[in-house]
Amino acid sequence: MSPKERIKIRGLARLAAWIFGAWGAVVTAKALYDLFLGEPESNLFSPRKWEFVTQAQWLRYGGFELAYGLALLGLAWYCLAFSRLLPETIERPRQEPEFRLFD
């Protein structure tokens, strides 16, 4: 067991950026589809379109979805920008655990 341990710091911020970016891209794409091409499923089962969910309600939902997706993409960009300020790795003394299992 070595007296020091190496911890990858920059990779954690980049992993968070990748997760935020991937999910933000999916949500933003779905929001754009909902705003310009999509319609609620209730339109398929109702006698008249836009009877249960009005167009104003649907556009409000699509706008919220778009804002959420863009916020996630902004977080991804911020995590990437912040990761450039972090060191690649840090070294610290290895700490013994406070308790041991099965002793």
PDB file of N, CA and C in Angstrom:
ATOM      1  N   MET A   1       0.847  -1.177   0.000  1.00  0.00           N
ATOM      2  CA  MET A   1       0.000   0.000   0.000  1.00  0.00           C
ATOM      3  C   MET A   1       0.893   1.240   0.000  1.00  0.00           C
ATOM      4  N   SER A   2       0.689   2.100  -0.965  1.00  0.00           N
ATOM      5  CA  SER A   2       1.519   3.291  -1.061  1.00  0.00           C
ATOM      6  C   SER A   2       1.052   4.341  -0.053  1.00  0.00           C
ATOM      7  N   PRO A   3       1.962   5.183   0.402  1.00  0.00           N
ATOM      8  CA  PRO A   3       1.583   6.184   1.396  1.00  0.00           C
ATOM      9  C   PRO A   3       0.759   7.333   0.800  1.00  0.00           C
ATOM     10  N   LYS A   4       0.739   7.468  -0.515  1.00  0.00           N
ATOM     11  CA  LYS A   4      -0.034   8.548  -1.140  1.00  0.00           C
ATOM     12  C   LYS A   4      -1.028   7.951  -2.131  1.00  0.00           C
ATOM     13  N   GLU A   5      -2.114   8.675  -2.316  1.00  0.00           N
ATOM     14  CA  GLU A   5      -3.096   8.255  -3.320  1.00  0.00           C
ATOM     15  C   GLU A   5      -3.297   9.381  -4.317  1.00  0.00           C
ATOM     16  N   ARG A   6      -3.524   9.006  -5.560  1.00  0.00           N
ATOM     17  CA  ARG A   6      -3.726   9.980  -6.631  1.00  0.00           C
ATOM     18  C   ARG A   6      -5.215  10.002  -6.978  1.00  0.00           C
ATOM     19  N   ILE A   7      -5.781  11.217  -7.016  1.00  0.00           N
ATOM     20  CA  ILE A   7      -7.203  11.392  -7.301  1.00  0.00           C
ATOM     21  C   ILE A   7      -7.330  12.251  -8.554  1.00  0.00           C
ATOM     22  N   LYS A   8      -8.113  11.765  -9.507  1.00  0.00           N
ATOM     23  CA  LYS A   8      -8.335  12.518 -10.745  1.00  0.00           C
ATOM     24  C   LYS A   8      -9.460  13.521 -10.519  1.00  0.00           C
ATOM     25  N   ILE A   9      -9.130  14.799 -10.568  1.00  0.00           N
ATOM     26  CA  ILE A   9     -10.088  15.862 -10.279  1.00  0.00           C
ATOM     27  C   ILE A   9     -10.758  16.367 -11.557  1.00  0.00           C
ATOM     28  N   ARG A  10      -9.975  16.644 -12.575  1.00  0.00           N
ATOM     29  CA  ARG A  10     -10.526  17.218 -13.803  1.00  0.00           C
ATOM     30  C   ARG A  10     -11.511  16.259 -14.467  1.00  0.00           C
ATOM     31  N   GLY A  11     -11.256  14.985 -14.363  1.00  0.00           N
ATOM     32  CA  GLY A  11     -12.148  13.999 -14.965  1.00  0.00           C
ATOM     33  C   GLY A  11     -13.540  14.007 -14.361  1.00  0.00           C
ATOM     34  N   LEU A  12     -13.647  14.315 -13.075  1.00  0.00           N
ATOM     35  CA  LEU A  12     -14.966  14.372 -12.438  1.00  0.00           C
ATOM     36  C   LEU A  12     -15.809  15.505 -13.016  1.00  0.00           C
ATOM     37  N   ALA A  13     -15.192  16.663 -13.218  1.00  0.00           N
ATOM     38  CA  ALA A  13     -15.927  17.794 -13.795  1.00  0.00           C
ATOM     39  C   ALA A  13     -16.290  17.517 -15.249  1.00  0.00           C
ATOM     40  N   ARG A  14     -15.405  16.849 -15.977  1.00  0.00           N
ATOM     41  CA  ARG A  14     -15.718  16.526 -17.375  1.00  0.00           C
ATOM     42  C   ARG A  14     -16.798  15.462 -17.474  1.00  0.00           C
ATOM     43  N   LEU A  15     -16.817  14.533 -16.544  1.00  0.00           N
ATOM     44  CA  LEU A  15     -17.888  13.531 -16.529  1.00  0.00           C
ATOM     45  C   LEU A  15     -19.237  14.193 -16.272  1.00  0.00           C
ATOM     46  N   ALA A  16     -19.273  15.111 -15.321  1.00  0.00           N
ATOM     47  CA  ALA A  16     -20.520  15.843 -15.051  1.00  0.00           C
ATOM     48  C   ALA A  16     -20.939  16.648 -16.279  1.00  0.00           C
ATOM     49  N   ALA A  17     -19.980  17.271 -16.959  1.00  0.00           N
ATOM     50  CA  ALA A  17     -20.301  18.041 -18.161  1.00  0.00           C
ATOM     51  C   ALA A  17     -20.863  17.134 -19.246  1.00  0.00           C
ATOM     52  N   TRP A  18     -20.304  15.947 -19.403  1.00  0.00           N
ATOM     53  CA  TRP A  18     -20.791  15.019 -20.421  1.00  0.00           C
ATOM     54  C   TRP A  18     -22.219  14.583 -20.107  1.00  0.00           C
ATOM     55  N   ILE A  19     -22.495  14.285 -18.854  1.00  0.00           N
ATOM     56  CA  ILE A  19     -23.846  13.852 -18.467  1.00  0.00           C
ATOM     57  C   ILE A  19     -24.850  14.989 -18.677  1.00  0.00           C
ATOM     58  N   PHE A  20     -24.512  16.192 -18.203  1.00  0.00           N
ATOM     59  CA  PHE A  20     -25.405  17.341 -18.400  1.00  0.00           C
ATOM     60  C   PHE A  20     -25.614  17.626 -19.888  1.00  0.00           C
ATOM     61  N   GLY A  21     -24.540  17.556 -20.664  1.00  0.00           N
ATOM     62  CA  GLY A  21     -24.638  17.849 -22.090  1.00  0.00           C
ATOM     63  C   GLY A  21     -25.471  16.834 -22.846  1.00  0.00           C
ATOM     64  N   ALA A  22     -25.281  15.559 -22.542  1.00  0.00           N
ATOM     65  CA  ALA A  22     -26.047  14.519 -23.234  1.00  0.00           C
ATOM     66  C   ALA A  22     -27.532  14.638 -22.915  1.00  0.00           C
ATOM     67  N   TRP A  23     -27.848  14.783 -21.640  1.00  0.00           N
ATOM     68  CA  TRP A  23     -29.257  14.889 -21.259  1.00  0.00           C
ATOM     69  C   TRP A  23     -29.862  16.202 -21.759  1.00  0.00           C
ATOM     70  N   GLY A  24     -29.089  17.273 -21.717  1.00  0.00           N
ATOM     71  CA  GLY A  24     -29.576  18.553 -22.221  1.00  0.00           C
ATOM     72  C   GLY A  24     -29.850  18.522 -23.714  1.00  0.00           C
ATOM     73  N   ALA A  25     -29.017  17.817 -24.477  1.00  0.00           N
ATOM     74  CA  ALA A  25     -29.249  17.704 -25.918  1.00  0.00           C
ATOM     75  C   ALA A  25     -30.520  16.921 -26.208  1.00  0.00           C
ATOM     76  N   VAL A  26     -30.748  15.847 -25.458  1.00  0.00           N
ATOM     77  CA  VAL A  26     -31.962  15.048 -25.658  1.00  0.00           C
ATOM     78  C   VAL A  26     -33.200  15.876 -25.331  1.00  0.00           C
ATOM     79  N   VAL A  27     -33.177  16.558 -24.192  1.00  0.00           N
ATOM     80  CA  VAL A  27     -34.345  17.339 -23.766  1.00  0.00           C
ATOM     81  C   VAL A  27     -34.595  18.506 -24.722  1.00  0.00           C
ATOM     82  N   THR A  28     -33.541  19.169 -25.166  1.00  0.00           N
ATOM     83  CA  THR A  28     -33.703  20.291 -26.090  1.00  0.00           C
ATOM     84  C   THR A  28     -34.258  19.824 -27.431  1.00  0.00           C
ATOM     85  N   ALA A  29     -33.765  18.690 -27.927  1.00  0.00           N
ATOM     86  CA  ALA A  29     -34.278  18.164 -29.194  1.00  0.00           C
ATOM     87  C   ALA A  29     -35.757  17.809 -29.076  1.00  0.00           C
ATOM     88  N   LYS A  30     -36.137  17.181 -27.970  1.00  0.00           N
ATOM     89  CA  LYS A  30     -37.548  16.833 -27.779  1.00  0.00           C
ATOM     90  C   LYS A  30     -38.402  18.091 -27.639  1.00  0.00           C
ATOM     91  N   ALA A  31     -37.876  19.102 -26.974  1.00  0.00           N
ATOM     92  CA  ALA A  31     -38.629  20.352 -26.821  1.00  0.00           C
ATOM     93  C   ALA A  31     -38.859  21.018 -28.170  1.00  0.00           C
ATOM     94  N   LEU A  32     -37.837  21.043 -29.002  1.00  0.00           N
ATOM     95  CA  LEU A  32     -38.006  21.644 -30.327  1.00  0.00           C
ATOM     96  C   LEU A  32     -39.006  20.851 -31.161  1.00  0.00           C
ATOM     97  N   TYR A  33     -38.970  19.531 -31.039  1.00  0.00           N
ATOM     98  CA  TYR A  33     -39.958  18.706 -31.740  1.00  0.00           C
ATOM     99  C   TYR A  33     -41.366  19.018 -31.231  1.00  0.00           C
ATOM    100  N   ASP A  34     -41.514  19.082 -29.903  1.00  0.00           N
ATOM    101  CA  ASP A  34     -42.834  19.363 -29.330  1.00  0.00           C
ATOM    102  C   ASP A  34     -43.351  20.740 -29.733  1.00  0.00           C
ATOM    103  N   LEU A  35     -42.465  21.713 -29.793  1.00  0.00           N
ATOM    104  CA  LEU A  35     -42.898  23.072 -30.122  1.00  0.00           C
ATOM    105  C   LEU A  35     -43.309  23.228 -31.584  1.00  0.00           C
ATOM    106  N   PHE A  36     -42.601  22.553 -32.489  1.00  0.00           N
ATOM    107  CA  PHE A  36     -42.832  22.818 -33.911  1.00  0.00           C
ATOM    108  C   PHE A  36     -43.556  21.699 -34.655  1.00  0.00           C
ATOM    109  N   LEU A  37     -43.414  20.453 -34.216  1.00  0.00           N
ATOM    110  CA  LEU A  37     -44.025  19.347 -34.953  1.00  0.00           C
ATOM    111  C   LEU A  37     -44.980  18.508 -34.120  1.00  0.00           C
ATOM    112  N   GLY A  38     -44.731  18.402 -32.842  1.00  0.00           N
ATOM    113  CA  GLY A  38     -45.474  17.467 -32.011  1.00  0.00           C
ATOM    114  C   GLY A  38     -46.814  17.994 -31.542  1.00  0.00           C
ATOM    115  N   GLU A  39     -47.559  17.070 -30.974  1.00  0.00           N
ATOM    116  CA  GLU A  39     -48.835  17.411 -30.357  1.00  0.00           C
ATOM    117  C   GLU A  39     -49.059  16.426 -29.216  1.00  0.00           C
ATOM    118  N   PRO A  40     -49.909  16.765 -28.262  1.00  0.00           N
ATOM    119  CA  PRO A  40     -50.132  15.856 -27.141  1.00  0.00           C
ATOM    120  C   PRO A  40     -50.844  14.581 -27.593  1.00  0.00           C
ATOM    121  N   GLU A  41     -50.612  13.494 -26.854  1.00  0.00           N
ATOM    122  CA  GLU A  41     -51.250  12.222 -27.191  1.00  0.00           C
ATOM    123  C   GLU A  41     -52.765  12.288 -27.051  1.00  0.00           C
ATOM    124  N   SER A  42     -53.249  13.187 -26.225  1.00  0.00           N
ATOM    125  CA  SER A  42     -54.703  13.290 -26.052  1.00  0.00           C
ATOM    126  C   SER A  42     -55.393  13.693 -27.353  1.00  0.00           C
ATOM    127  N   ASN A  43     -54.673  14.332 -28.268  1.00  0.00           N
ATOM    128  CA  ASN A  43     -55.267  14.680 -29.561  1.00  0.00           C
ATOM    129  C   ASN A  43     -55.601  13.437 -30.384  1.00  0.00           C
ATOM    130  N   LEU A  44     -54.880  12.349 -30.138  1.00  0.00           N
ATOM    131  CA  LEU A  44     -55.132  11.126 -30.897  1.00  0.00           C
ATOM    132  C   LEU A  44     -56.402  10.419 -30.439  1.00  0.00           C
ATOM    133  N   PHE A  45     -56.814  10.641 -29.207  1.00  0.00           N
ATOM    134  CA  PHE A  45     -57.930   9.895 -28.634  1.00  0.00           C
ATOM    135  C   PHE A  45     -59.170  10.745 -28.372  1.00  0.00           C
ATOM    136  N   SER A  46     -59.128  12.007 -28.693  1.00  0.00           N
ATOM    137  CA  SER A  46     -60.287  12.866 -28.433  1.00  0.00           C
ATOM    138  C   SER A  46     -61.064  13.097 -29.733  1.00  0.00           C
ATOM    139  N   PRO A  47     -62.349  13.398 -29.621  1.00  0.00           N
ATOM    140  CA  PRO A  47     -63.150  13.642 -30.826  1.00  0.00           C
ATOM    141  C   PRO A  47     -62.664  14.861 -31.617  1.00  0.00           C
ATOM    142  N   ARG A  48     -62.239  15.896 -30.912  1.00  0.00           N
ATOM    143  CA  ARG A  48     -61.721  17.097 -31.568  1.00  0.00           C
ATOM    144  C   ARG A  48     -60.316  17.379 -31.041  1.00  0.00           C
ATOM    145  N   LYS A  49     -59.450  17.835 -31.942  1.00  0.00           N
ATOM    146  CA  LYS A  49     -58.084  18.171 -31.526  1.00  0.00           C
ATOM    147  C   LYS A  49     -58.097  19.341 -30.560  1.00  0.00           C
ATOM    148  N   TRP A  50     -57.149  19.344 -29.665  1.00  0.00           N
ATOM    149  CA  TRP A  50     -56.927  20.414 -28.698  1.00  0.00           C
ATOM    150  C   TRP A  50     -58.120  20.613 -27.765  1.00  0.00           C
ATOM    151  N   GLU A  51     -58.855  19.520 -27.499  1.00  0.00           N
ATOM    152  CA  GLU A  51     -60.000  19.617 -26.593  1.00  0.00           C
ATOM    153  C   GLU A  51     -59.559  19.482 -25.133  1.00  0.00           C
ATOM    154  N   PHE A  52     -58.692  18.522 -24.853  1.00  0.00           N
ATOM    155  CA  PHE A  52     -58.262  18.299 -23.471  1.00  0.00           C
ATOM    156  C   PHE A  52     -57.074  19.174 -23.097  1.00  0.00           C
ATOM    157  N   VAL A  53     -56.128  19.288 -24.006  1.00  0.00           N
ATOM    158  CA  VAL A  53     -54.947  20.134 -23.792  1.00  0.00           C
ATOM    159  C   VAL A  53     -54.988  21.217 -24.862  1.00  0.00           C
ATOM    160  N   THR A  54     -55.050  22.458 -24.431  1.00  0.00           N
ATOM    161  CA  THR A  54     -55.116  23.551 -25.408  1.00  0.00           C
ATOM    162  C   THR A  54     -53.738  23.814 -26.002  1.00  0.00           C
ATOM    163  N   GLN A  55     -53.710  24.516 -27.111  1.00  0.00           N
ATOM    164  CA  GLN A  55     -52.429  24.844 -27.736  1.00  0.00           C
ATOM    165  C   GLN A  55     -51.589  25.738 -26.837  1.00  0.00           C
ATOM    166  N   ALA A  56     -52.229  26.631 -26.107  1.00  0.00           N
ATOM    167  CA  ALA A  56     -51.482  27.508 -25.193  1.00  0.00           C
ATOM    168  C   ALA A  56     -50.812  26.689 -24.094  1.00  0.00           C
ATOM    169  N   GLN A  57     -51.527  25.697 -23.562  1.00  0.00           N
ATOM    170  CA  GLN A  57     -50.935  24.838 -22.538  1.00  0.00           C
ATOM    171  C   GLN A  57     -49.781  24.026 -23.116  1.00  0.00           C
ATOM    172  N   TRP A  58     -49.951  23.532 -24.325  1.00  0.00           N
ATOM    173  CA  TRP A  58     -48.911  22.722 -24.955  1.00  0.00           C
ATOM    174  C   TRP A  58     -47.669  23.562 -25.245  1.00  0.00           C
ATOM    175  N   LEU A  59     -47.856  24.791 -25.709  1.00  0.00           N
ATOM    176  CA  LEU A  59     -46.712  25.661 -25.965  1.00  0.00           C
ATOM    177  C   LEU A  59     -46.019  26.066 -24.666  1.00  0.00           C
ATOM    178  N   ARG A  60     -46.774  26.245 -23.599  1.00  0.00           N
ATOM    179  CA  ARG A  60     -46.181  26.544 -22.300  1.00  0.00           C
ATOM    180  C   ARG A  60     -45.320  25.364 -21.835  1.00  0.00           C
ATOM    181  N   TYR A  61     -45.840  24.157 -22.009  1.00  0.00           N
ATOM    182  CA  TYR A  61     -45.078  22.957 -21.650  1.00  0.00           C
ATOM    183  C   TYR A  61     -43.810  22.851 -22.497  1.00  0.00           C
ATOM    184  N   GLY A  62     -43.934  23.077 -23.806  1.00  0.00           N
ATOM    185  CA  GLY A  62     -42.765  23.020 -24.679  1.00  0.00           C
ATOM    186  C   GLY A  62     -41.739  24.086 -24.336  1.00  0.00           C
ATOM    187  N   GLY A  63     -42.203  25.262 -23.956  1.00  0.00           N
ATOM    188  CA  GLY A  63     -41.280  26.323 -23.552  1.00  0.00           C
ATOM    189  C   GLY A  63     -40.531  25.982 -22.280  1.00  0.00           C
ATOM    190  N   PHE A  64     -41.242  25.384 -21.321  1.00  0.00           N
ATOM    191  CA  PHE A  64     -40.566  24.948 -20.102  1.00  0.00           C
ATOM    192  C   PHE A  64     -39.541  23.876 -20.416  1.00  0.00           C
ATOM    193  N   GLU A  65     -39.914  22.945 -21.284  1.00  0.00           N
ATOM    194  CA  GLU A  65     -39.000  21.871 -21.656  1.00  0.00           C
ATOM    195  C   GLU A  65     -37.758  22.431 -22.349  1.00  0.00           C
ATOM    196  N   LEU A  66     -37.948  23.415 -23.207  1.00  0.00           N
ATOM    197  CA  LEU A  66     -36.822  24.042 -23.893  1.00  0.00           C
ATOM    198  C   LEU A  66     -35.925  24.783 -22.907  1.00  0.00           C
ATOM    199  N   ALA A  67     -36.517  25.496 -21.968  1.00  0.00           N
ATOM    200  CA  ALA A  67     -35.718  26.209 -20.961  1.00  0.00           C
ATOM    201  C   ALA A  67     -34.916  25.228 -20.114  1.00  0.00           C
ATOM    202  N   TYR A  68     -35.526  24.102 -19.762  1.00  0.00           N
ATOM    203  CA  TYR A  68     -34.833  23.079 -18.976  1.00  0.00           C
ATOM    204  C   TYR A  68     -33.661  22.498 -19.767  1.00  0.00           C
ATOM    205  N   GLY A  69     -33.872  22.181 -21.028  1.00  0.00           N
ATOM    206  CA  GLY A  69     -32.801  21.631 -21.852  1.00  0.00           C
ATOM    207  C   GLY A  69     -31.660  22.609 -22.049  1.00  0.00           C
ATOM    208  N   LEU A  70     -31.992  23.872 -22.287  1.00  0.00           N
ATOM    209  CA  LEU A  70     -30.939  24.877 -22.464  1.00  0.00           C
ATOM    210  C   LEU A  70     -30.184  25.136 -21.163  1.00  0.00           C
ATOM    211  N   ALA A  71     -30.879  25.044 -20.029  1.00  0.00           N
ATOM    212  CA  ALA A  71     -30.198  25.193 -18.736  1.00  0.00           C
ATOM    213  C   ALA A  71     -29.207  24.053 -18.525  1.00  0.00           C
ATOM    214  N   LEU A  72     -29.585  22.846 -18.918  1.00  0.00           N
ATOM    215  CA  LEU A  72     -28.663  21.716 -18.803  1.00  0.00           C
ATOM    216  C   LEU A  72     -27.451  21.894 -19.715  1.00  0.00           C
ATOM    217  N   LEU A  73     -27.675  22.383 -20.924  1.00  0.00           N
ATOM    218  CA  LEU A  73     -26.547  22.638 -21.820  1.00  0.00           C
ATOM    219  C   LEU A  73     -25.646  23.740 -21.262  1.00  0.00           C
ATOM    220  N   GLY A  74     -26.239  24.742 -20.616  1.00  0.00           N
ATOM    221  CA  GLY A  74     -25.442  25.782 -19.968  1.00  0.00           C
ATOM    222  C   GLY A  74     -24.610  25.232 -18.821  1.00  0.00           C
ATOM    223  N   LEU A  75     -25.199  24.334 -18.046  1.00  0.00           N
ATOM    224  CA  LEU A  75     -24.435  23.695 -16.971  1.00  0.00           C
ATOM    225  C   LEU A  75     -23.285  22.866 -17.530  1.00  0.00           C
ATOM    226  N   ALA A  76     -23.521  22.187 -18.641  1.00  0.00           N
ATOM    227  CA  ALA A  76     -22.456  21.398 -19.266  1.00  0.00           C
ATOM    228  C   ALA A  76     -21.312  22.301 -19.708  1.00  0.00           C
ATOM    229  N   TRP A  77     -21.647  23.412 -20.339  1.00  0.00           N
ATOM    230  CA  TRP A  77     -20.612  24.346 -20.777  1.00  0.00           C
ATOM    231  C   TRP A  77     -19.845  24.903 -19.576  1.00  0.00           C
ATOM    232  N   TYR A  78     -20.561  25.246 -18.508  1.00  0.00           N
ATOM    233  CA  TYR A  78     -19.911  25.783 -17.316  1.00  0.00           C
ATOM    234  C   TYR A  78     -18.985  24.744 -16.683  1.00  0.00           C
ATOM    235  N   CYS A  79     -19.412  23.497 -16.628  1.00  0.00           N
ATOM    236  CA  CYS A  79     -18.556  22.447 -16.062  1.00  0.00           C
ATOM    237  C   CYS A  79     -17.290  22.266 -16.895  1.00  0.00           C
ATOM    238  N   LEU A  80     -17.428  22.328 -18.224  1.00  0.00           N
ATOM    239  CA  LEU A  80     -16.237  22.219 -19.072  1.00  0.00           C
ATOM    240  C   LEU A  80     -15.303  23.408 -18.866  1.00  0.00           C
ATOM    241  N   ALA A  81     -15.863  24.604 -18.784  1.00  0.00           N
ATOM    242  CA  ALA A  81     -15.031  25.791 -18.568  1.00  0.00           C
ATOM    243  C   ALA A  81     -14.357  25.731 -17.200  1.00  0.00           C
ATOM    244  N   PHE A  82     -15.084  25.263 -16.195  1.00  0.00           N
ATOM    245  CA  PHE A  82     -14.514  25.171 -14.854  1.00  0.00           C
ATOM    246  C   PHE A  82     -13.457  24.078 -14.781  1.00  0.00           C
ATOM    247  N   SER A  83     -13.628  23.001 -15.554  1.00  0.00           N
ATOM    248  CA  SER A  83     -12.657  21.907 -15.494  1.00  0.00           C
ATOM    249  C   SER A  83     -11.292  22.337 -16.013  1.00  0.00           C
ATOM    250  N   ARG A  84     -11.253  23.355 -16.863  1.00  0.00           N
ATOM    251  CA  ARG A  84      -9.964  23.840 -17.362  1.00  0.00           C
ATOM    252  C   ARG A  84      -9.145  24.505 -16.259  1.00  0.00           C
ATOM    253  N   LEU A  85      -9.810  24.960 -15.213  1.00  0.00           N
ATOM    254  CA  LEU A  85      -9.107  25.606 -14.103  1.00  0.00           C
ATOM    255  C   LEU A  85      -8.593  24.600 -13.080  1.00  0.00           C
ATOM    256  N   LEU A  86      -9.088  23.373 -13.139  1.00  0.00           N
ATOM    257  CA  LEU A  86      -8.723  22.361 -12.151  1.00  0.00           C
ATOM    258  C   LEU A  86      -7.456  21.629 -12.566  1.00  0.00           C
ATOM    259  N   PRO A  87      -6.684  21.153 -11.588  1.00  0.00           N
ATOM    260  CA  PRO A  87      -5.533  20.321 -11.943  1.00  0.00           C
ATOM    261  C   PRO A  87      -6.008  18.952 -12.430  1.00  0.00           C
ATOM    262  N   GLU A  88      -5.165  18.294 -13.223  1.00  0.00           N
ATOM    263  CA  GLU A  88      -5.531  16.968 -13.732  1.00  0.00           C
ATOM    264  C   GLU A  88      -5.693  15.972 -12.585  1.00  0.00           C
ATOM    265  N   THR A  89      -4.722  15.923 -11.708  1.00  0.00           N
ATOM    266  CA  THR A  89      -4.789  15.027 -10.543  1.00  0.00           C
ATOM    267  C   THR A  89      -4.230  15.755  -9.327  1.00  0.00           C
ATOM    268  N   ILE A  90      -4.570  15.232  -8.169  1.00  0.00           N
ATOM    269  CA  ILE A  90      -3.938  15.688  -6.930  1.00  0.00           C
ATOM    270  C   ILE A  90      -3.464  14.460  -6.175  1.00  0.00           C
ATOM    271  N   GLU A  91      -2.460  14.662  -5.368  1.00  0.00           N
ATOM    272  CA  GLU A  91      -1.970  13.587  -4.511  1.00  0.00           C
ATOM    273  C   GLU A  91      -2.176  14.001  -3.072  1.00  0.00           C
ATOM    274  N   ARG A  92      -2.588  13.047  -2.270  1.00  0.00           N
ATOM    275  CA  ARG A  92      -2.774  13.313  -0.847  1.00  0.00           C
ATOM    276  C   ARG A  92      -2.380  12.060  -0.083  1.00  0.00           C
ATOM    277  N   PRO A  93      -2.087  12.218   1.197  1.00  0.00           N
ATOM    278  CA  PRO A  93      -1.750  11.026   1.988  1.00  0.00           C
ATOM    279  C   PRO A  93      -2.945  10.081   2.063  1.00  0.00           C
ATOM    280  N   ARG A  94      -2.663   8.806   1.942  1.00  0.00           N
ATOM    281  CA  ARG A  94      -3.735   7.815   2.023  1.00  0.00           C
ATOM    282  C   ARG A  94      -4.257   7.759   3.452  1.00  0.00           C
ATOM    283  N   GLN A  95      -5.570   7.804   3.579  1.00  0.00           N
ATOM    284  CA  GLN A  95      -6.199   7.767   4.894  1.00  0.00           C
ATOM    285  C   GLN A  95      -6.739   6.370   5.152  1.00  0.00           C
ATOM    286  N   GLU A  96      -6.494   5.889   6.330  1.00  0.00           N
ATOM    287  CA  GLU A  96      -7.039   4.591   6.719  1.00  0.00           C
ATOM    288  C   GLU A  96      -8.520   4.747   7.029  1.00  0.00           C
ATOM    289  N   PRO A  97      -9.334   3.779   6.674  1.00  0.00           N
ATOM    290  CA  PRO A  97     -10.760   3.883   6.996  1.00  0.00           C
ATOM    291  C   PRO A  97     -10.993   3.852   8.498  1.00  0.00           C
ATOM    292  N   GLU A  98     -12.082   4.502   8.917  1.00  0.00           N
ATOM    293  CA  GLU A  98     -12.388   4.557  10.345  1.00  0.00           C
ATOM    294  C   GLU A  98     -12.885   3.222  10.873  1.00  0.00           C
ATOM    295  N   PHE A  99     -13.432   2.408  10.020  1.00  0.00           N
ATOM    296  CA  PHE A  99     -13.918   1.094  10.442  1.00  0.00           C
ATOM    297  C   PHE A  99     -13.602   0.084   9.346  1.00  0.00           C
ATOM    298  N   ARG A 100     -13.565  -1.168   9.734  1.00  0.00           N
ATOM    299  CA  ARG A 100     -13.310  -2.250   8.783  1.00  0.00           C
ATOM    300  C   ARG A 100     -14.468  -3.226   8.836  1.00  0.00           C
ATOM    301  N   LEU A 101     -14.886  -3.651   7.681  1.00  0.00           N
ATOM    302  CA  LEU A 101     -15.945  -4.642   7.616  1.00  0.00           C
ATOM    303  C   LEU A 101     -15.375  -6.037   7.864  1.00  0.00           C
ATOM    304  N   PHE A 102     -16.145  -6.864   8.509  1.00  0.00           N
ATOM    305  CA  PHE A 102     -15.831  -8.279   8.721  1.00  0.00           C
ATOM    306  C   PHE A 102     -14.575  -8.499   9.548  1.00  0.00           C
ATOM    307  N   ASP A 103     -14.294  -7.631  10.484  1.00  0.00           N
ATOM    308  CA  ASP A 103     -13.153  -7.851  11.398  1.00  0.00           C
ATOM    309  C   ASP A 103     -13.644  -8.337  12.731  1.00  0.00           C
TER     310      ASP A 103
END
